[in-house]
Amino acid sequence: METQIRIRDAAPQDIAKMLEIYAYYVRDTAITFEYEVPSQEEFTDRFLHTTAHFPYLAAVTVENGREKVIGYAYAGRFHPRKAYERCAEMTVYIDRDARGSGAGRLLYEALEERLKGLGFLNLYACIGVPDEDDEYLTHNSEQFHEHMGYRLVGTFRLCGYKFGRWYNMIWMEKLIGEHR
């Protein structure tokens, strides 16, 4: 039987599990260039700051009658100037045991739809990429975004340093509304 994934607004009771998901990416990957896992207090502050202005969604499954968070996605401010107020930066993290489940696609589709309804037109993703795939970073995130309709708009060479290695950073964009 296939596990059903449901997308809903993330809530404060999800913070511990979302932090657990994120901690793996901080400790064991170069997907985020953050070096230290934030404390639960810091992660909670980030969550509350984001949810005050932007959607923050959770992907959940139900196991033994209980919800289990298997991923999350949120949007954030692309740039503080008013001229960019219809632009948002996208972020998604999936539990390492749920990768390939379709949760990332479902989260992004729901988040994009929500943002479109709020009047956002341009979506951006900042993605770490290696010159060659290694044990810390692959091209999977770039490929995921391409699959979701994002296109490459810029590359910063050798700008992120983690695990004793230099990585590139790319920006990808997707236009989701009509620019009038």
Protein backbone atom coordinates (compact mmCIF):
# COMPACT_ATOMS: atom_id res chain seq x y z
CA MET A 1 0.00 0.00 0.00
CA GLU A 2 1.36 3.39 -1.01
CA THR A 3 1.79 5.96 1.74
CA GLN A 4 -0.35 9.03 1.23
CA ILE A 5 1.37 12.38 1.66
CA ARG A 6 -0.66 15.36 2.77
CA ILE A 7 0.46 18.99 2.62
CA ARG A 8 -0.66 21.38 5.35
CA ASP A 9 0.51 24.55 7.05
CA ALA A 10 3.45 23.88 9.31
CA ALA A 11 2.73 24.52 12.99
CA PRO A 12 4.80 25.13 16.11
CA GLN A 13 4.39 21.47 17.15
CA ASP A 14 6.29 20.53 13.95
CA ILE A 15 9.41 22.52 14.85
CA ALA A 16 11.29 19.71 16.62
CA LYS A 17 10.85 17.32 13.67
CA MET A 18 11.65 20.03 11.09
CA LEU A 19 14.83 20.86 13.01
CA GLU A 20 15.73 17.16 13.09
CA ILE A 21 15.30 17.02 9.30
CA TYR A 22 17.38 20.18 8.84
CA ALA A 23 20.13 19.01 11.23
CA TYR A 24 21.04 16.17 8.87
CA TYR A 25 21.60 18.66 6.03
CA VAL A 26 23.76 20.90 8.24
CA ARG A 27 25.90 18.09 9.70
CA ASP A 28 26.21 15.73 6.74
CA THR A 29 25.75 17.70 3.50
CA ALA A 30 26.74 20.89 1.72
CA ILE A 31 23.13 21.47 0.67
CA THR A 32 23.11 24.21 3.28
CA PHE A 33 26.30 26.15 3.91
CA GLU A 34 25.33 26.58 7.55
CA TYR A 35 28.03 24.98 9.74
CA GLU A 36 26.25 24.56 13.08
CA VAL A 37 22.80 23.12 13.71
CA PRO A 38 20.70 25.94 15.15
CA SER A 39 19.26 25.54 18.61
CA GLN A 40 15.56 24.81 18.90
CA GLU A 41 15.10 28.38 20.15
CA GLU A 42 16.88 29.83 17.09
CA PHE A 43 14.97 27.54 14.72
CA THR A 44 11.70 28.52 16.41
CA ASP A 45 12.57 32.22 15.99
CA ARG A 46 13.27 31.61 12.29
CA PHE A 47 9.96 29.77 11.92
CA LEU A 48 7.98 32.52 13.63
CA HIS A 49 9.72 35.27 11.64
CA THR A 50 8.96 33.47 8.37
CA THR A 51 5.35 32.58 9.17
CA ALA A 52 4.62 36.20 10.06
CA HIS A 53 5.01 37.09 6.38
CA PHE A 54 5.19 33.96 4.21
CA PRO A 55 3.70 30.48 3.85
CA TYR A 56 5.48 27.61 5.59
CA LEU A 57 4.22 24.14 4.70
CA ALA A 58 4.74 20.62 6.03
CA ALA A 59 4.46 17.30 4.21
CA VAL A 60 3.01 14.65 6.49
CA THR A 61 2.14 10.99 6.39
CA VAL A 62 -0.08 9.16 8.86
CA GLU A 63 1.39 6.16 10.64
CA ASN A 64 -0.58 4.28 13.30
CA GLY A 65 -3.07 7.13 13.42
CA ARG A 66 -0.37 9.76 14.05
CA GLU A 67 0.97 12.38 11.69
CA LYS A 68 4.65 12.25 10.83
CA VAL A 69 6.37 15.26 9.26
CA ILE A 70 8.55 14.06 6.36
CA GLY A 71 9.48 17.43 4.88
CA TYR A 72 8.83 21.13 4.83
CA ALA A 73 9.04 24.10 2.50
CA TYR A 74 8.74 27.81 2.96
CA ALA A 75 9.17 31.06 1.11
CA GLY A 76 11.11 34.06 2.25
CA ARG A 77 11.90 37.59 1.26
CA PHE A 78 14.09 37.75 -1.85
CA HIS A 79 15.26 41.32 -1.15
CA PRO A 80 14.05 43.94 1.35
CA ARG A 81 13.46 46.77 -1.14
CA LYS A 82 9.84 47.43 -2.12
CA ALA A 83 10.63 46.93 -5.82
CA TYR A 84 11.09 43.19 -5.10
CA GLU A 85 7.94 42.66 -3.03
CA ARG A 86 6.43 40.25 -5.59
CA CYS A 87 9.52 38.03 -5.52
CA ALA A 88 10.16 35.20 -3.05
CA GLU A 89 13.00 32.78 -2.31
CA MET A 90 12.00 29.12 -2.01
CA THR A 91 13.38 26.54 0.42
CA VAL A 92 12.58 22.84 0.81
CA TYR A 93 13.99 20.06 3.00
CA ILE A 94 12.88 16.43 2.92
CA ASP A 95 13.60 13.81 5.57
CA ARG A 96 16.47 11.73 4.21
CA ASP A 97 14.34 8.58 4.51
CA ALA A 98 11.54 10.19 2.45
CA ARG A 99 13.65 11.40 -0.49
CA GLY A 100 12.16 10.25 -3.77
CA SER A 101 8.67 10.00 -2.24
CA GLY A 102 7.28 12.95 -4.19
CA ALA A 103 7.01 15.08 -1.05
CA GLY A 104 9.29 17.78 -2.48
CA ARG A 105 7.19 18.12 -5.61
CA LEU A 106 3.96 18.25 -3.59
CA LEU A 107 5.39 20.85 -1.24
CA TYR A 108 6.65 23.06 -4.07
CA GLU A 109 3.39 22.80 -6.03
CA ALA A 110 1.38 23.80 -2.95
CA LEU A 111 3.80 26.58 -2.00
CA GLU A 112 3.86 27.98 -5.53
CA GLU A 113 0.06 27.97 -5.67
CA ARG A 114 -0.17 29.73 -2.32
CA LEU A 115 2.38 32.35 -3.39
CA LYS A 116 0.61 32.92 -6.69
CA GLY A 117 -2.61 33.54 -4.76
CA LEU A 118 -0.77 36.12 -2.65
CA GLY A 119 0.32 38.00 -5.77
CA PHE A 120 3.90 36.77 -6.06
CA LEU A 121 5.24 36.64 -9.61
CA ASN A 122 8.90 35.56 -9.42
CA LEU A 123 10.28 32.65 -7.42
CA TYR A 124 13.98 32.10 -6.81
CA ALA A 125 16.07 29.23 -5.46
CA CYS A 126 19.65 29.54 -4.23
CA ILE A 127 21.32 26.14 -4.65
CA GLY A 128 24.74 24.77 -3.79
CA VAL A 129 26.24 22.67 -6.59
CA PRO A 130 29.57 20.86 -6.96
CA ASP A 131 31.75 20.80 -10.03
CA GLU A 132 31.46 17.02 -9.67
CA ASP A 133 29.07 15.13 -7.39
CA ASP A 134 30.65 14.05 -4.10
CA GLU A 135 29.51 12.55 -0.80
CA TYR A 136 28.33 15.95 0.49
CA LEU A 137 26.67 17.53 -2.54
CA THR A 138 25.21 16.40 -5.86
CA HIS A 139 23.29 18.05 -8.67
CA ASN A 140 19.99 16.59 -7.38
CA SER A 141 18.60 19.91 -6.14
CA GLU A 142 19.41 21.63 -9.42
CA GLN A 143 17.74 18.76 -11.32
CA PHE A 144 14.69 18.89 -9.02
CA HIS A 145 14.26 22.60 -9.70
CA GLU A 146 14.67 22.10 -13.45
CA HIS A 147 11.95 19.42 -13.26
CA MET A 148 9.74 21.92 -11.40
CA GLY A 149 10.13 24.48 -14.20
CA TYR A 150 12.94 26.64 -12.80
CA ARG A 151 15.72 27.86 -15.07
CA LEU A 152 19.30 28.77 -14.32
CA VAL A 153 19.91 32.52 -14.13
CA GLY A 154 23.32 32.77 -12.49
CA THR A 155 26.34 30.88 -11.20
CA PHE A 156 28.74 31.99 -8.48
CA ARG A 157 31.90 29.92 -8.80
CA LEU A 158 33.66 28.48 -5.75
CA CYS A 159 31.82 30.70 -3.28
CA GLY A 160 30.68 28.27 -0.57
CA TYR A 161 33.24 26.48 1.61
CA LYS A 162 32.27 23.46 3.68
CA PHE A 163 33.95 20.17 4.62
CA GLY A 164 37.28 21.48 3.35
CA ARG A 165 35.96 21.99 -0.17
CA TRP A 166 34.75 24.85 -2.34
CA TYR A 167 31.32 24.64 -3.94
CA ASN A 168 29.47 26.72 -6.49
CA MET A 169 26.16 28.42 -5.85
CA ILE A 170 23.54 28.87 -8.52
CA TRP A 171 20.37 30.91 -8.68
CA MET A 172 17.34 29.54 -10.49
CA GLU A 173 14.03 31.28 -11.17
CA LYS A 174 10.46 30.50 -12.10
CA LEU A 175 7.90 33.07 -13.20
CA ILE A 176 4.44 32.16 -11.93
CA GLY A 177 2.36 35.19 -12.84
CA GLU A 178 1.73 37.78 -15.49
CA HIS A 179 3.87 40.90 -15.16
CA ARG A 180 1.62 43.90 -15.81
